[in-house]
Amino acid sequence: MTIQITLFLVFGACFGLLTFSRRHLFSEGPKTKDETRDGNTLVSRLIWMLICTFLWPIMIITGVHTAWILHKRKSQSSVEEYDS
């Protein structure tokens, strides 16, 4: 059981480190990079890694949801451009 917990936490920490530059996609909805308040500091990177360490399954779900919303917006805008 300890191995599963350790793997869960290690995967979450790696997920946090890898997704730090795209953390705006894992929020309550798609935002631009400029709307994120934190800069690229060591403290903000550490906090993001700690959040993802414990909540990475939820972060993956919110990332998929954001990707779906962005895809939907892109397809709607392309349809509107096609109709014009």
Protein backbone atom coordinates (compact mmCIF):
# COMPACT_ATOMS: atom_id res chain seq x y z
CA MET A 1 0.00 0.00 0.00
CA THR A 2 2.88 2.37 0.71
CA ILE A 3 4.14 1.95 -2.87
CA GLN A 4 0.80 3.07 -4.33
CA ILE A 5 0.66 6.14 -2.11
CA THR A 6 4.25 7.03 -2.94
CA LEU A 7 3.63 6.62 -6.68
CA PHE A 8 0.48 8.76 -6.40
CA LEU A 9 2.41 11.57 -4.71
CA VAL A 10 5.45 11.33 -7.01
CA PHE A 11 3.26 11.39 -10.12
CA GLY A 12 1.38 14.39 -8.74
CA ALA A 13 4.61 16.28 -8.03
CA CYS A 14 5.90 15.57 -11.54
CA PHE A 15 2.54 16.62 -12.99
CA GLY A 16 2.76 19.87 -11.05
CA LEU A 17 6.28 20.62 -12.25
CA LEU A 18 5.41 19.85 -15.86
CA THR A 19 2.17 21.86 -15.96
CA PHE A 20 3.34 24.98 -14.14
CA SER A 21 3.69 27.04 -17.30
CA ARG A 22 0.15 26.05 -18.36
CA ARG A 23 -1.54 26.33 -14.96
CA HIS A 24 -4.04 28.83 -16.38
CA LEU A 25 -5.68 25.89 -18.19
CA PHE A 26 -6.40 24.03 -14.94
CA SER A 27 -8.64 26.62 -13.30
CA GLU A 28 -12.41 27.06 -13.24
CA GLY A 29 -12.37 27.97 -16.90
CA PRO A 30 -9.97 28.93 -19.65
CA LYS A 31 -8.03 32.09 -18.95
CA THR A 32 -5.18 33.74 -20.72
CA LYS A 33 -1.69 33.59 -19.34
CA ASP A 34 -1.78 37.30 -18.57
CA GLU A 35 -4.71 36.87 -16.18
CA THR A 36 -2.72 34.71 -13.77
CA ARG A 37 -1.64 36.73 -10.77
CA ASP A 38 1.50 34.89 -9.73
CA GLY A 39 4.76 35.44 -11.44
CA ASN A 40 7.26 32.76 -12.23
CA THR A 41 8.73 32.63 -8.73
CA LEU A 42 10.05 29.68 -6.80
CA VAL A 43 7.27 30.03 -4.22
CA SER A 44 4.50 30.00 -6.82
CA ARG A 45 6.09 26.99 -8.54
CA LEU A 46 6.33 25.18 -5.18
CA ILE A 47 2.71 25.94 -4.27
CA TRP A 48 1.49 24.74 -7.67
CA MET A 49 3.53 21.54 -7.29
CA LEU A 50 2.10 20.90 -3.81
CA ILE A 51 -1.47 21.49 -4.98
CA CYS A 52 -0.97 19.09 -7.89
CA THR A 53 0.75 16.53 -5.69
CA PHE A 54 -2.46 15.89 -3.80
CA LEU A 55 -5.10 16.93 -6.34
CA TRP A 56 -3.70 15.80 -9.70
CA PRO A 57 -6.73 13.63 -10.62
CA ILE A 58 -9.01 16.65 -10.19
CA MET A 59 -6.55 18.83 -12.12
CA ILE A 60 -6.59 16.38 -15.03
CA ILE A 61 -10.39 16.47 -15.10
CA THR A 62 -10.44 20.29 -15.07
CA GLY A 63 -7.80 20.34 -17.81
CA VAL A 64 -9.92 18.05 -19.98
CA HIS A 65 -12.94 20.27 -19.32
CA THR A 66 -10.99 23.38 -20.31
CA ALA A 67 -9.73 21.68 -23.48
CA TRP A 68 -13.32 20.78 -24.34
CA ILE A 69 -14.48 24.38 -23.80
CA LEU A 70 -11.64 25.76 -25.93
CA HIS A 71 -12.36 23.25 -28.69
CA LYS A 72 -16.05 24.17 -28.58
CA ARG A 73 -15.23 27.89 -28.82
CA LYS A 74 -12.83 27.30 -31.68
CA SER A 75 -15.35 25.25 -33.64
CA GLN A 76 -18.07 27.87 -33.03
CA SER A 77 -15.84 30.68 -34.23
CA SER A 78 -14.86 28.74 -37.34
CA VAL A 79 -18.54 28.09 -38.12
CA GLU A 80 -19.33 31.79 -37.64
CA GLU A 81 -16.48 32.75 -39.96
CA TYR A 82 -17.67 30.22 -42.52
CA ASP A 83 -21.24 31.56 -42.40
CA SER A 84 -20.12 35.16 -42.92
